[in-house]
Amino acid sequence: MNFPSKLLEEAVLEVSKLPGIGKKTALRLVLHLLKKENKDSESLAHALLNVRANIKYCEKCHTISDHLICDICNSKSRDQRIVCVVEDIKDVLAIENTNQYFGVYHVLGGVISPMERIGPDQLTINSLIERILTDTEIKEVILGLSPTMEGDTTAFFITKKLKSYPIKISTIARGIPFGGELEYMDEVTLGRSIATRTLFENKED
């Protein structure tokens, strides 16, 4: 792709680094911004710099937050006895959009994946175990992980770690097809999968 301006080329290159955006889409976005008033571009730049500089991660559940403890963990209307373990912050948003879950969360920051050299120590599994040890109010852990090979491996690992604790371990119902990602499931299917969750069966037992 030939550009009439080096500045335009640099802008397109940077925007095209975003996931799901190719150079043609990046070019359309940059040209769109050029047509807008300066204040619009400045507002976008300010918002991006602000979120990068000031965003926090909840010290309790590890989701994105404006404060050290997120609004969900701080909410008195949420059932603090139930913790839904998810892979990523996007999964928290997907589950929240169902309006079917009223407990709290624990974000792992990924799943165990030997192919990508991601092991248990690179996730917040130890933080989850510490949370259960210190918070006697927790009665159930829902494994809200995508039904992929990596998700199932992570679920088995967590179950093994929590086996000796007096808590219920459940998993979202298999209304979600194997290999599916939670963030792409429709709200009705995902909500039903949480509402009809079942006890997790560890095949090693």
C-alpha atoms as a PDB file:
ATOM      1  CA  MET A   1       0.000   0.000   0.000  1.00  0.00           C
ATOM      2  CA  ASN A   2       1.497   3.305  -1.115  1.00  0.00           C
ATOM      3  CA  PHE A   3       0.854   6.377   1.023  1.00  0.00           C
ATOM      4  CA  PRO A   4       1.027  10.040  -0.051  1.00  0.00           C
ATOM      5  CA  SER A   5       2.238  10.982   3.426  1.00  0.00           C
ATOM      6  CA  LYS A   6       4.730   9.416   5.836  1.00  0.00           C
ATOM      7  CA  LEU A   7       2.662  10.688   8.757  1.00  0.00           C
ATOM      8  CA  LEU A   8      -0.434   8.956   7.365  1.00  0.00           C
ATOM      9  CA  GLU A   9       1.522   5.737   6.848  1.00  0.00           C
ATOM     10  CA  GLU A  10       2.785   5.765  10.442  1.00  0.00           C
ATOM     11  CA  ALA A  11      -0.727   6.370  11.801  1.00  0.00           C
ATOM     12  CA  VAL A  12      -2.191   3.529   9.704  1.00  0.00           C
ATOM     13  CA  LEU A  13       0.619   1.179  10.768  1.00  0.00           C
ATOM     14  CA  GLU A  14      -0.052   1.839  14.460  1.00  0.00           C
ATOM     15  CA  VAL A  15      -3.838   1.435  14.169  1.00  0.00           C
ATOM     16  CA  SER A  16      -3.429  -1.786  12.153  1.00  0.00           C
ATOM     17  CA  LYS A  17      -1.569  -3.312  15.112  1.00  0.00           C
ATOM     18  CA  LEU A  18      -4.901  -3.524  16.957  1.00  0.00           C
ATOM     19  CA  PRO A  19      -6.524  -7.006  16.904  1.00  0.00           C
ATOM     20  CA  GLY A  20      -8.960  -7.585  14.060  1.00  0.00           C
ATOM     21  CA  ILE A  21      -7.954  -4.449  12.157  1.00  0.00           C
ATOM     22  CA  GLY A  22      -6.135  -4.739   8.840  1.00  0.00           C
ATOM     23  CA  LYS A  23      -4.408  -1.931   6.973  1.00  0.00           C
ATOM     24  CA  LYS A  24      -7.463  -1.087   4.852  1.00  0.00           C
ATOM     25  CA  THR A  25      -9.677  -0.698   7.922  1.00  0.00           C
ATOM     26  CA  ALA A  26      -6.927   1.227   9.682  1.00  0.00           C
ATOM     27  CA  LEU A  27      -6.709   3.588   6.716  1.00  0.00           C
ATOM     28  CA  ARG A  28     -10.465   4.224   6.809  1.00  0.00           C
ATOM     29  CA  LEU A  29     -10.315   4.960  10.537  1.00  0.00           C
ATOM     30  CA  VAL A  30      -7.376   7.357  10.208  1.00  0.00           C
ATOM     31  CA  LEU A  31      -8.979   9.172   7.262  1.00  0.00           C
ATOM     32  CA  HIS A  32     -12.197   9.431   9.277  1.00  0.00           C
ATOM     33  CA  LEU A  33     -10.306  11.077  12.146  1.00  0.00           C
ATOM     34  CA  LEU A  34      -8.669  13.509   9.719  1.00  0.00           C
ATOM     35  CA  LYS A  35     -12.107  14.675   8.611  1.00  0.00           C
ATOM     36  CA  LYS A  36     -13.232  15.282  12.186  1.00  0.00           C
ATOM     37  CA  GLU A  37     -12.464  18.371  14.240  1.00  0.00           C
ATOM     38  CA  ASN A  38      -9.210  18.457  16.211  1.00  0.00           C
ATOM     39  CA  LYS A  39     -11.063  18.197  19.516  1.00  0.00           C
ATOM     40  CA  ASP A  40     -12.450  14.778  18.542  1.00  0.00           C
ATOM     41  CA  SER A  41      -8.996  13.356  17.866  1.00  0.00           C
ATOM     42  CA  GLU A  42      -7.683  14.988  21.023  1.00  0.00           C
ATOM     43  CA  SER A  43     -10.513  13.460  23.084  1.00  0.00           C
ATOM     44  CA  LEU A  44      -9.740  10.000  21.689  1.00  0.00           C
ATOM     45  CA  ALA A  45      -6.013  10.385  22.335  1.00  0.00           C
ATOM     46  CA  HIS A  46      -6.656  11.670  25.860  1.00  0.00           C
ATOM     47  CA  ALA A  47      -9.015   8.774  26.667  1.00  0.00           C
ATOM     48  CA  LEU A  48      -6.492   6.182  25.461  1.00  0.00           C
ATOM     49  CA  LEU A  49      -3.589   7.763  27.340  1.00  0.00           C
ATOM     50  CA  ASN A  50      -5.723   8.159  30.452  1.00  0.00           C
ATOM     51  CA  VAL A  51      -6.878   4.521  30.501  1.00  0.00           C
ATOM     52  CA  ARG A  52      -3.305   3.320  29.908  1.00  0.00           C
ATOM     53  CA  ALA A  53      -1.860   5.494  32.676  1.00  0.00           C
ATOM     54  CA  ASN A  54      -4.572   5.263  35.331  1.00  0.00           C
ATOM     55  CA  ILE A  55      -6.397   1.956  34.952  1.00  0.00           C
ATOM     56  CA  LYS A  56      -6.155  -0.349  37.950  1.00  0.00           C
ATOM     57  CA  TYR A  57      -6.733  -4.051  38.533  1.00  0.00           C
ATOM     58  CA  CYS A  58      -8.906  -5.109  41.452  1.00  0.00           C
ATOM     59  CA  GLU A  59      -6.727  -6.462  44.249  1.00  0.00           C
ATOM     60  CA  LYS A  60      -9.393  -9.035  45.038  1.00  0.00           C
ATOM     61  CA  CYS A  61     -10.608 -10.424  41.699  1.00  0.00           C
ATOM     62  CA  HIS A  62      -8.087  -8.933  39.205  1.00  0.00           C
ATOM     63  CA  THR A  63     -10.648  -7.364  36.875  1.00  0.00           C
ATOM     64  CA  ILE A  64     -10.158  -3.876  35.443  1.00  0.00           C
ATOM     65  CA  SER A  65     -11.234  -1.176  37.863  1.00  0.00           C
ATOM     66  CA  ASP A  66     -11.031   2.524  38.630  1.00  0.00           C
ATOM     67  CA  HIS A  67     -10.276   1.654  42.259  1.00  0.00           C
ATOM     68  CA  LEU A  68      -8.137  -0.828  44.204  1.00  0.00           C
ATOM     69  CA  ILE A  69     -11.283  -2.906  44.824  1.00  0.00           C
ATOM     70  CA  CYS A  70     -13.771  -3.053  41.943  1.00  0.00           C
ATOM     71  CA  ASP A  71     -17.446  -2.095  42.192  1.00  0.00           C
ATOM     72  CA  ILE A  72     -18.592  -5.736  41.886  1.00  0.00           C
ATOM     73  CA  CYS A  73     -16.431  -6.924  44.791  1.00  0.00           C
ATOM     74  CA  ASN A  74     -17.521  -3.895  46.824  1.00  0.00           C
ATOM     75  CA  SER A  75     -21.224  -4.281  46.072  1.00  0.00           C
ATOM     76  CA  LYS A  76     -23.442  -5.318  48.978  1.00  0.00           C
ATOM     77  CA  SER A  77     -26.022  -6.618  46.509  1.00  0.00           C
ATOM     78  CA  ARG A  78     -23.653  -9.277  45.124  1.00  0.00           C
ATOM     79  CA  ASP A  79     -23.524 -12.753  46.639  1.00  0.00           C
ATOM     80  CA  GLN A  80     -19.996 -12.887  48.047  1.00  0.00           C
ATOM     81  CA  ARG A  81     -20.387 -16.627  48.734  1.00  0.00           C
ATOM     82  CA  ILE A  82     -20.175 -17.501  45.025  1.00  0.00           C
ATOM     83  CA  VAL A  83     -17.028 -16.895  42.953  1.00  0.00           C
ATOM     84  CA  CYS A  84     -17.070 -17.390  39.190  1.00  0.00           C
ATOM     85  CA  VAL A  85     -13.586 -18.109  37.846  1.00  0.00           C
ATOM     86  CA  VAL A  86     -13.058 -16.791  34.311  1.00  0.00           C
ATOM     87  CA  GLU A  87     -10.171 -16.573  31.898  1.00  0.00           C
ATOM     88  CA  ASP A  88     -10.325 -12.927  30.949  1.00  0.00           C
ATOM     89  CA  ILE A  89     -11.989  -9.598  31.687  1.00  0.00           C
ATOM     90  CA  LYS A  90     -13.975  -9.984  28.442  1.00  0.00           C
ATOM     91  CA  ASP A  91     -15.675 -13.013  30.031  1.00  0.00           C
ATOM     92  CA  VAL A  92     -16.741 -10.904  33.021  1.00  0.00           C
ATOM     93  CA  LEU A  93     -18.418  -8.467  30.626  1.00  0.00           C
ATOM     94  CA  ALA A  94     -20.100 -11.308  28.705  1.00  0.00           C
ATOM     95  CA  ILE A  95     -21.513 -12.874  31.881  1.00  0.00           C
ATOM     96  CA  GLU A  96     -22.615  -9.513  33.298  1.00  0.00           C
ATOM     97  CA  ASN A  97     -24.594  -8.848  30.120  1.00  0.00           C
ATOM     98  CA  THR A  98     -26.720 -11.958  30.777  1.00  0.00           C
ATOM     99  CA  ASN A  99     -28.154 -10.474  34.008  1.00  0.00           C
ATOM    100  CA  GLN A 100     -28.297 -14.070  35.289  1.00  0.00           C
ATOM    101  CA  TYR A 101     -25.331 -14.060  37.674  1.00  0.00           C
ATOM    102  CA  PHE A 102     -25.175 -12.152  40.948  1.00  0.00           C
ATOM    103  CA  GLY A 103     -22.032 -13.502  42.600  1.00  0.00           C
ATOM    104  CA  VAL A 104     -18.470 -12.180  42.284  1.00  0.00           C
ATOM    105  CA  TYR A 105     -15.564 -13.083  39.994  1.00  0.00           C
ATOM    106  CA  HIS A 106     -11.954 -14.160  39.864  1.00  0.00           C
ATOM    107  CA  VAL A 107     -10.040 -13.381  36.652  1.00  0.00           C
ATOM    108  CA  LEU A 108      -7.199 -15.810  35.916  1.00  0.00           C
ATOM    109  CA  GLY A 109      -5.567 -13.727  33.212  1.00  0.00           C
ATOM    110  CA  GLY A 110      -5.456 -16.659  30.797  1.00  0.00           C
ATOM    111  CA  VAL A 111      -5.551 -20.449  30.779  1.00  0.00           C
ATOM    112  CA  ILE A 112      -2.893 -23.141  31.095  1.00  0.00           C
ATOM    113  CA  SER A 113      -1.415 -23.668  27.642  1.00  0.00           C
ATOM    114  CA  PRO A 114       1.856 -25.607  27.266  1.00  0.00           C
ATOM    115  CA  MET A 115       1.917 -24.734  23.544  1.00  0.00           C
ATOM    116  CA  GLU A 116       2.091 -21.033  24.433  1.00  0.00           C
ATOM    117  CA  ARG A 117       4.314 -21.722  27.453  1.00  0.00           C
ATOM    118  CA  ILE A 118       1.675 -20.514  29.906  1.00  0.00           C
ATOM    119  CA  GLY A 119       1.797 -22.433  33.189  1.00  0.00           C
ATOM    120  CA  PRO A 120      -0.211 -22.182  36.430  1.00  0.00           C
ATOM    121  CA  ASP A 121       2.317 -19.797  37.991  1.00  0.00           C
ATOM    122  CA  GLN A 122       1.638 -17.227  35.282  1.00  0.00           C
ATOM    123  CA  LEU A 123      -2.044 -17.108  36.184  1.00  0.00           C
ATOM    124  CA  THR A 124      -3.796 -15.891  39.356  1.00  0.00           C
ATOM    125  CA  ILE A 125      -4.531 -19.433  40.588  1.00  0.00           C
ATOM    126  CA  ASN A 126      -2.443 -18.977  43.760  1.00  0.00           C
ATOM    127  CA  SER A 127      -4.371 -15.763  44.428  1.00  0.00           C
ATOM    128  CA  LEU A 128      -7.647 -17.707  44.103  1.00  0.00           C
ATOM    129  CA  ILE A 129      -6.492 -20.338  46.604  1.00  0.00           C
ATOM    130  CA  GLU A 130      -5.323 -17.628  49.013  1.00  0.00           C
ATOM    131  CA  ARG A 131      -8.688 -15.908  48.627  1.00  0.00           C
ATOM    132  CA  ILE A 132     -10.552 -19.085  49.560  1.00  0.00           C
ATOM    133  CA  LEU A 133      -8.226 -19.697  52.510  1.00  0.00           C
ATOM    134  CA  THR A 134      -8.787 -16.232  53.976  1.00  0.00           C
ATOM    135  CA  ASP A 135     -12.460 -15.729  53.079  1.00  0.00           C
ATOM    136  CA  THR A 136     -14.547 -18.329  54.901  1.00  0.00           C
ATOM    137  CA  GLU A 137     -17.687 -16.775  53.425  1.00  0.00           C
ATOM    138  CA  ILE A 138     -17.005 -18.402  50.024  1.00  0.00           C
ATOM    139  CA  LYS A 139     -19.169 -21.523  49.579  1.00  0.00           C
ATOM    140  CA  GLU A 140     -19.038 -22.165  45.815  1.00  0.00           C
ATOM    141  CA  VAL A 141     -16.545 -21.766  42.998  1.00  0.00           C
ATOM    142  CA  ILE A 142     -17.990 -21.800  39.479  1.00  0.00           C
ATOM    143  CA  LEU A 143     -15.502 -22.708  36.771  1.00  0.00           C
ATOM    144  CA  GLY A 144     -16.683 -20.347  34.045  1.00  0.00           C
ATOM    145  CA  LEU A 145     -13.985 -21.309  31.558  1.00  0.00           C
ATOM    146  CA  SER A 146     -14.449 -21.786  27.829  1.00  0.00           C
ATOM    147  CA  PRO A 147     -14.936 -25.478  26.876  1.00  0.00           C
ATOM    148  CA  THR A 148     -11.620 -25.768  25.051  1.00  0.00           C
ATOM    149  CA  MET A 149      -8.733 -28.145  25.690  1.00  0.00           C
ATOM    150  CA  GLU A 150      -6.880 -25.380  27.542  1.00  0.00           C
ATOM    151  CA  GLY A 151      -9.981 -24.383  29.496  1.00  0.00           C
ATOM    152  CA  ASP A 152     -10.636 -27.971  30.601  1.00  0.00           C
ATOM    153  CA  THR A 153      -6.968 -28.442  31.572  1.00  0.00           C
ATOM    154  CA  THR A 154      -7.134 -25.312  33.711  1.00  0.00           C
ATOM    155  CA  ALA A 155     -10.423 -26.432  35.283  1.00  0.00           C
ATOM    156  CA  PHE A 156      -8.948 -29.829  36.237  1.00  0.00           C
ATOM    157  CA  PHE A 157      -5.868 -28.167  37.722  1.00  0.00           C
ATOM    158  CA  ILE A 158      -7.935 -25.762  39.844  1.00  0.00           C
ATOM    159  CA  THR A 159     -10.253 -28.558  40.983  1.00  0.00           C
ATOM    160  CA  LYS A 160      -7.280 -30.620  42.099  1.00  0.00           C
ATOM    161  CA  LYS A 161      -5.933 -27.662  44.086  1.00  0.00           C
ATOM    162  CA  LEU A 162      -9.305 -26.981  45.761  1.00  0.00           C
ATOM    163  CA  LYS A 163     -10.261 -30.601  46.396  1.00  0.00           C
ATOM    164  CA  SER A 164      -9.376 -30.484  50.096  1.00  0.00           C
ATOM    165  CA  TYR A 165     -11.385 -27.338  50.809  1.00  0.00           C
ATOM    166  CA  PRO A 166     -15.014 -27.503  52.026  1.00  0.00           C
ATOM    167  CA  ILE A 167     -16.484 -25.688  49.050  1.00  0.00           C
ATOM    168  CA  LYS A 168     -18.748 -26.667  46.182  1.00  0.00           C
ATOM    169  CA  ILE A 169     -17.055 -26.695  42.772  1.00  0.00           C
ATOM    170  CA  SER A 170     -19.358 -26.392  39.780  1.00  0.00           C
ATOM    171  CA  THR A 171     -19.019 -25.687  36.076  1.00  0.00           C
ATOM    172  CA  ILE A 172     -21.228 -23.892  33.580  1.00  0.00           C
ATOM    173  CA  ALA A 173     -23.563 -26.265  31.733  1.00  0.00           C
ATOM    174  CA  ARG A 174     -22.460 -27.611  28.373  1.00  0.00           C
ATOM    175  CA  GLY A 175     -24.974 -25.598  26.403  1.00  0.00           C
ATOM    176  CA  ILE A 176     -21.828 -24.029  25.023  1.00  0.00           C
ATOM    177  CA  PRO A 177     -20.242 -26.155  22.262  1.00  0.00           C
ATOM    178  CA  PHE A 178     -16.759 -27.575  22.774  1.00  0.00           C
ATOM    179  CA  GLY A 179     -14.183 -25.156  21.442  1.00  0.00           C
ATOM    180  CA  GLY A 180     -16.474 -22.157  21.906  1.00  0.00           C
ATOM    181  CA  GLU A 181     -15.327 -18.951  23.582  1.00  0.00           C
ATOM    182  CA  LEU A 182     -17.550 -17.386  26.260  1.00  0.00           C
ATOM    183  CA  GLU A 183     -17.257 -13.861  24.880  1.00  0.00           C
ATOM    184  CA  TYR A 184     -18.824 -14.949  21.567  1.00  0.00           C
ATOM    185  CA  MET A 185     -21.794 -16.809  23.055  1.00  0.00           C
ATOM    186  CA  ASP A 186     -25.221 -15.202  22.903  1.00  0.00           C
ATOM    187  CA  GLU A 187     -26.553 -13.876  26.201  1.00  0.00           C
ATOM    188  CA  VAL A 188     -29.453 -16.347  26.459  1.00  0.00           C
ATOM    189  CA  THR A 189     -27.239 -19.426  25.990  1.00  0.00           C
ATOM    190  CA  LEU A 190     -24.563 -18.132  28.350  1.00  0.00           C
ATOM    191  CA  GLY A 191     -27.097 -17.093  30.990  1.00  0.00           C
ATOM    192  CA  ARG A 192     -28.803 -20.489  30.851  1.00  0.00           C
ATOM    193  CA  SER A 193     -25.419 -22.242  31.132  1.00  0.00           C
ATOM    194  CA  ILE A 194     -24.680 -20.369  34.360  1.00  0.00           C
ATOM    195  CA  ALA A 195     -28.148 -20.860  35.830  1.00  0.00           C
ATOM    196  CA  THR A 196     -28.070 -24.626  35.118  1.00  0.00           C
ATOM    197  CA  ARG A 197     -24.467 -25.166  36.220  1.00  0.00           C
ATOM    198  CA  THR A 198     -23.519 -28.635  37.435  1.00  0.00           C
ATOM    199  CA  LEU A 199     -21.001 -30.118  39.840  1.00  0.00           C
ATOM    200  CA  PHE A 200     -17.579 -30.420  38.301  1.00  0.00           C
ATOM    201  CA  GLU A 201     -16.580 -34.024  37.713  1.00  0.00           C
ATOM    202  CA  ASN A 202     -12.870 -34.681  38.061  1.00  0.00           C
ATOM    203  CA  LYS A 203     -12.182 -37.782  35.990  1.00  0.00           C
ATOM    204  CA  GLU A 204      -8.964 -38.434  37.924  1.00  0.00           C
ATOM    205  CA  ASP A 205     -10.940 -39.176  41.113  1.00  0.00           C
END
